Amino acid sequence: MLTTQQDTTKDSRRQMITDLSSRPDSRTELEFKYGQVWDTHELCADFNVQSFLAPFVLVARKEDGVRGTLVFQTRPRFYFDFTPTGGITC
């Protein structure tokens, strides 16, 4: 029998999405706050996207296979705050 797991992060993720949507930052502002920022084309060049769970995206860095997460805002669509999770993909 399949069981459905409860998403314990749903409310906090929804609040993050609301916050990001209500005051989207420019690329320059995001770079100042978080360092490197990617648009969609740059994301695809540097990472293999594994899954989305807004406002997070699970990725594997193409350069070295390190897995991690990025945060994204919708408009304008930018990905930022890469946080390695320590796992390496093959």
C-alpha atoms as a PDB file:
ATOM      1  CA  MET A   1       0.000   0.000   0.000  1.00  0.00           C
ATOM      2  CA  LEU A   2       1.302   3.475  -0.880  1.00  0.00           C
ATOM      3  CA  THR A   3       1.335   6.060   1.856  1.00  0.00           C
ATOM      4  CA  THR A   4       1.491   9.797   1.453  1.00  0.00           C
ATOM      5  CA  GLN A   5       4.019  11.649   3.536  1.00  0.00           C
ATOM      6  CA  GLN A   6       3.013  14.905   5.186  1.00  0.00           C
ATOM      7  CA  ASP A   7       4.870  17.949   3.835  1.00  0.00           C
ATOM      8  CA  THR A   8       5.977  19.645   7.031  1.00  0.00           C
ATOM      9  CA  THR A   9       7.653  22.480   5.121  1.00  0.00           C
ATOM     10  CA  LYS A  10       4.638  23.586   3.069  1.00  0.00           C
ATOM     11  CA  ASP A  11       3.641  26.570   5.212  1.00  0.00           C
ATOM     12  CA  SER A  12       7.160  27.933   5.575  1.00  0.00           C
ATOM     13  CA  ARG A  13       7.850  27.448   1.847  1.00  0.00           C
ATOM     14  CA  ARG A  14       4.606  29.257   0.976  1.00  0.00           C
ATOM     15  CA  GLN A  15       5.653  32.162   3.184  1.00  0.00           C
ATOM     16  CA  MET A  16       9.064  32.287   1.478  1.00  0.00           C
ATOM     17  CA  ILE A  17       7.373  32.317  -1.942  1.00  0.00           C
ATOM     18  CA  THR A  18       5.090  35.161  -0.832  1.00  0.00           C
ATOM     19  CA  ASP A  19       8.056  37.126   0.517  1.00  0.00           C
ATOM     20  CA  LEU A  20      10.123  36.581  -2.635  1.00  0.00           C
ATOM     21  CA  SER A  21       7.190  37.540  -4.889  1.00  0.00           C
ATOM     22  CA  SER A  22       6.231  40.655  -2.951  1.00  0.00           C
ATOM     23  CA  ARG A  23       9.697  42.161  -3.139  1.00  0.00           C
ATOM     24  CA  PRO A  24      11.717  40.576  -5.950  1.00  0.00           C
ATOM     25  CA  ASP A  25      15.346  41.668  -6.017  1.00  0.00           C
ATOM     26  CA  SER A  26      17.379  42.697  -9.028  1.00  0.00           C
ATOM     27  CA  ARG A  27      20.332  40.564 -10.046  1.00  0.00           C
ATOM     28  CA  THR A  28      22.703  43.143  -8.534  1.00  0.00           C
ATOM     29  CA  GLU A  29      20.867  43.053  -5.188  1.00  0.00           C
ATOM     30  CA  LEU A  30      20.886  39.250  -5.129  1.00  0.00           C
ATOM     31  CA  GLU A  31      24.613  39.153  -5.963  1.00  0.00           C
ATOM     32  CA  PHE A  32      25.304  41.556  -3.106  1.00  0.00           C
ATOM     33  CA  LYS A  33      23.306  39.398  -0.667  1.00  0.00           C
ATOM     34  CA  TYR A  34      24.181  35.878  -1.856  1.00  0.00           C
ATOM     35  CA  GLY A  35      27.151  35.958  -4.234  1.00  0.00           C
ATOM     36  CA  GLN A  36      26.770  34.191  -7.559  1.00  0.00           C
ATOM     37  CA  VAL A  37      23.366  34.361  -9.253  1.00  0.00           C
ATOM     38  CA  TRP A  38      22.149  32.352 -12.254  1.00  0.00           C
ATOM     39  CA  ASP A  39      19.441  33.000 -14.808  1.00  0.00           C
ATOM     40  CA  THR A  40      17.743  29.967 -16.367  1.00  0.00           C
ATOM     41  CA  HIS A  41      20.282  29.547 -19.179  1.00  0.00           C
ATOM     42  CA  GLU A  42      23.227  29.871 -16.793  1.00  0.00           C
ATOM     43  CA  LEU A  43      21.605  27.402 -14.401  1.00  0.00           C
ATOM     44  CA  CYS A  44      21.321  24.810 -17.172  1.00  0.00           C
ATOM     45  CA  ALA A  45      24.947  25.376 -18.167  1.00  0.00           C
ATOM     46  CA  ASP A  46      26.312  24.905 -14.631  1.00  0.00           C
ATOM     47  CA  PHE A  47      23.901  22.410 -13.024  1.00  0.00           C
ATOM     48  CA  ASN A  48      21.806  19.331 -13.656  1.00  0.00           C
ATOM     49  CA  VAL A  49      18.407  20.106 -12.198  1.00  0.00           C
ATOM     50  CA  GLN A  50      17.014  17.172 -10.239  1.00  0.00           C
ATOM     51  CA  SER A  51      13.794  18.515  -8.732  1.00  0.00           C
ATOM     52  CA  PHE A  52      11.850  21.603  -7.753  1.00  0.00           C
ATOM     53  CA  LEU A  53      10.035  22.232  -4.484  1.00  0.00           C
ATOM     54  CA  ALA A  54       9.363  25.958  -4.643  1.00  0.00           C
ATOM     55  CA  PRO A  55      11.171  28.087  -3.775  1.00  0.00           C
ATOM     56  CA  PHE A  56      13.976  25.506  -3.791  1.00  0.00           C
ATOM     57  CA  VAL A  57      15.607  23.534  -6.563  1.00  0.00           C
ATOM     58  CA  LEU A  58      17.780  20.464  -6.017  1.00  0.00           C
ATOM     59  CA  VAL A  59      20.766  20.444  -8.356  1.00  0.00           C
ATOM     60  CA  ALA A  60      24.043  18.673  -9.075  1.00  0.00           C
ATOM     61  CA  ARG A  61      26.913  20.918 -10.148  1.00  0.00           C
ATOM     62  CA  LYS A  62      28.222  19.720 -13.519  1.00  0.00           C
ATOM     63  CA  GLU A  63      31.804  20.742 -12.747  1.00  0.00           C
ATOM     64  CA  ASP A  64      32.295  18.331  -9.850  1.00  0.00           C
ATOM     65  CA  GLY A  65      29.023  16.475  -9.225  1.00  0.00           C
ATOM     66  CA  VAL A  66      28.384  18.166  -5.876  1.00  0.00           C
ATOM     67  CA  ARG A  67      24.690  18.162  -5.013  1.00  0.00           C
ATOM     68  CA  GLY A  68      23.036  21.126  -3.406  1.00  0.00           C
ATOM     69  CA  THR A  69      20.091  23.450  -3.310  1.00  0.00           C
ATOM     70  CA  LEU A  70      19.374  26.832  -4.787  1.00  0.00           C
ATOM     71  CA  VAL A  71      16.611  29.289  -3.952  1.00  0.00           C
ATOM     72  CA  PHE A  72      14.742  30.919  -6.817  1.00  0.00           C
ATOM     73  CA  GLN A  73      12.482  33.889  -7.311  1.00  0.00           C
ATOM     74  CA  THR A  74       9.939  33.907 -10.108  1.00  0.00           C
ATOM     75  CA  ARG A  75       9.949  37.381 -11.679  1.00  0.00           C
ATOM     76  CA  PRO A  76      12.559  38.078 -12.670  1.00  0.00           C
ATOM     77  CA  ARG A  77      13.616  34.410 -12.542  1.00  0.00           C
ATOM     78  CA  PHE A  78      16.949  34.121 -10.784  1.00  0.00           C
ATOM     79  CA  TYR A  79      18.541  31.266  -8.859  1.00  0.00           C
ATOM     80  CA  PHE A  80      20.826  32.028  -5.933  1.00  0.00           C
ATOM     81  CA  ASP A  81      22.242  30.959  -2.565  1.00  0.00           C
ATOM     82  CA  PHE A  82      23.814  27.639  -3.655  1.00  0.00           C
ATOM     83  CA  THR A  83      24.158  25.431  -0.583  1.00  0.00           C
ATOM     84  CA  PRO A  84      26.045  22.160  -1.041  1.00  0.00           C
ATOM     85  CA  THR A  85      24.446  19.171   0.659  1.00  0.00           C
ATOM     86  CA  GLY A  86      27.644  17.180   0.631  1.00  0.00           C
ATOM     87  CA  GLY A  87      26.525  14.408  -1.685  1.00  0.00           C
ATOM     88  CA  ILE A  88      28.267  13.633  -4.944  1.00  0.00           C
ATOM     89  CA  THR A  89      26.357  12.189  -7.889  1.00  0.00           C
ATOM     90  CA  CYS A  90      27.731   9.779 -10.455  1.00  0.00           C
END
